Amino acid sequence: MISHDENDEKQFAPLINHLRSLKKVNAPIDFEKDLQNQIKHVISKDKKSIFNKFKRKDLFFSSTMYLSLFTLMLIIVVFLLVYFFLLKSGSFKQSAPKPKDGSKTELPVSPPPIVQKK
């Protein structure tokens, strides 16, 4: 039975021979570690969100604070628009009817109570 190493050696024999024929290069001891760090750095740059471009670390408020303030202002504006629309359309009942001609309205006056003397 053929082991994996023998099978790999047969399969990749041309590649292995080519790699053995390459000239050796003197590299620093930590070359592989530096290379891996550079690769990780490039990959982490690509994974960053587009919003990180606009985020500044020296801002007083965080971006969530700005988002919550914007949401609050939007709710207030919508509430005021609905309120004034309903007020203008007459949906709210008025407490006392106003006369149209500008004259005073007379309220019914009850007669004074009758008091019987003994």
Protein backbone atom coordinates (compact mmCIF):
# COMPACT_ATOMS: atom_id res chain seq x y z
CA MET A 1 0.00 0.00 0.00
CA ILE A 2 1.29 3.48 -0.91
CA SER A 3 1.38 6.09 1.89
CA HIS A 4 0.33 9.69 1.45
CA ASP A 5 3.93 10.90 1.36
CA GLU A 6 4.83 8.58 -1.51
CA ASN A 7 1.62 9.44 -3.34
CA ASP A 8 2.26 13.18 -2.90
CA GLU A 9 5.85 12.75 -4.02
CA LYS A 10 4.77 11.04 -7.23
CA GLN A 11 1.99 13.54 -7.90
CA PHE A 12 4.09 16.64 -7.28
CA ALA A 13 7.46 15.31 -8.54
CA PRO A 14 7.86 17.97 -11.27
CA LEU A 15 7.11 20.76 -8.81
CA ILE A 16 9.47 19.35 -6.17
CA ASN A 17 12.28 19.02 -8.73
CA HIS A 18 11.70 22.59 -9.89
CA LEU A 19 11.82 23.92 -6.32
CA ARG A 20 15.06 22.02 -5.64
CA SER A 21 16.63 23.55 -8.72
CA LEU A 22 15.97 27.13 -7.56
CA LYS A 23 18.87 29.08 -6.18
CA LYS A 24 18.92 29.61 -2.41
CA VAL A 25 18.37 33.10 -1.04
CA ASN A 26 19.70 34.41 2.22
CA ALA A 27 16.81 35.85 4.21
CA PRO A 28 16.56 37.17 7.76
CA ILE A 29 15.54 34.69 10.43
CA ASP A 30 12.18 36.35 11.04
CA PHE A 31 11.37 36.74 7.32
CA GLU A 32 8.46 34.29 7.40
CA LYS A 33 6.98 35.92 10.53
CA ASP A 34 7.20 39.41 8.95
CA LEU A 35 5.65 38.13 5.75
CA GLN A 36 2.73 36.58 7.66
CA ASN A 37 2.20 39.84 9.58
CA GLN A 38 2.12 41.85 6.37
CA ILE A 39 -0.39 39.43 4.84
CA LYS A 40 -2.61 39.66 7.94
CA HIS A 41 -2.38 43.45 7.84
CA VAL A 42 -3.48 43.60 4.20
CA ILE A 43 -6.35 41.18 4.84
CA SER A 44 -7.53 43.15 7.88
CA LYS A 45 -7.50 46.38 5.82
CA ASP A 46 -9.78 44.78 3.25
CA LYS A 47 -12.20 43.60 5.92
CA LYS A 48 -12.72 47.07 7.38
CA SER A 49 -16.11 48.62 6.86
CA ILE A 50 -16.67 51.60 4.61
CA PHE A 51 -17.96 53.50 7.65
CA ASN A 52 -14.50 53.36 9.26
CA LYS A 53 -13.33 55.94 6.73
CA PHE A 54 -15.69 58.51 8.21
CA LYS A 55 -15.13 57.62 11.85
CA ARG A 56 -12.84 59.98 13.70
CA LYS A 57 -11.38 59.04 17.04
CA ASP A 58 -11.08 62.60 18.27
CA LEU A 59 -14.80 63.38 18.14
CA PHE A 60 -16.49 64.33 21.39
CA PHE A 61 -19.60 62.25 20.71
CA SER A 62 -19.51 58.76 19.35
CA SER A 63 -21.30 57.86 16.14
CA THR A 64 -24.04 56.10 18.12
CA MET A 65 -24.73 59.36 19.94
CA TYR A 66 -25.16 61.15 16.62
CA LEU A 67 -27.45 58.40 15.39
CA SER A 68 -29.63 58.55 18.50
CA LEU A 69 -29.84 62.37 18.34
CA PHE A 70 -30.83 62.19 14.68
CA THR A 71 -33.52 59.61 15.47
CA LEU A 72 -34.88 61.73 18.32
CA MET A 73 -35.04 64.84 16.14
CA LEU A 74 -36.78 62.89 13.38
CA ILE A 75 -39.42 61.63 15.82
CA ILE A 76 -40.03 65.17 17.14
CA VAL A 77 -40.37 66.61 13.63
CA VAL A 78 -42.82 63.90 12.57
CA PHE A 79 -44.84 64.40 15.77
CA LEU A 80 -45.05 68.17 15.20
CA LEU A 81 -46.03 67.76 11.55
CA VAL A 82 -48.85 65.36 12.47
CA TYR A 83 -49.98 67.59 15.34
CA PHE A 84 -50.20 70.75 13.22
CA PHE A 85 -51.87 68.88 10.37
CA LEU A 86 -54.57 67.60 12.74
CA LEU A 87 -54.90 71.04 14.34
CA LYS A 88 -55.38 72.70 10.95
CA SER A 89 -57.85 70.10 9.73
CA GLY A 90 -60.06 70.66 12.78
CA SER A 91 -59.79 67.19 14.20
CA PHE A 92 -59.38 68.54 17.73
CA LYS A 93 -62.58 69.60 19.48
CA GLN A 94 -62.71 73.12 20.80
CA SER A 95 -63.90 73.70 24.35
CA ALA A 96 -66.35 76.54 23.56
CA PRO A 97 -67.82 77.45 20.19
CA LYS A 98 -66.73 80.82 18.87
CA PRO A 99 -69.28 83.08 17.22
CA LYS A 100 -68.75 83.67 13.53
CA ASP A 101 -70.08 87.22 13.37
CA GLY A 102 -68.01 88.54 16.26
CA SER A 103 -70.98 89.24 18.54
CA LYS A 104 -71.15 88.02 22.07
CA THR A 105 -72.86 84.75 22.64
CA GLU A 106 -75.50 84.72 25.30
CA LEU A 107 -75.61 81.83 27.64
CA PRO A 108 -79.03 80.81 28.95
CA VAL A 109 -79.67 82.36 32.30
CA SER A 110 -81.60 80.38 34.83
CA PRO A 111 -84.24 82.25 36.79
CA PRO A 112 -83.44 83.08 40.36
CA PRO A 113 -84.62 80.51 42.85
CA ILE A 114 -87.98 81.13 44.43
CA VAL A 115 -87.74 81.49 48.15
CA GLN A 116 -90.87 81.11 50.23
CA LYS A 117 -91.11 83.02 53.41
CA LYS A 118 -92.75 81.52 56.46
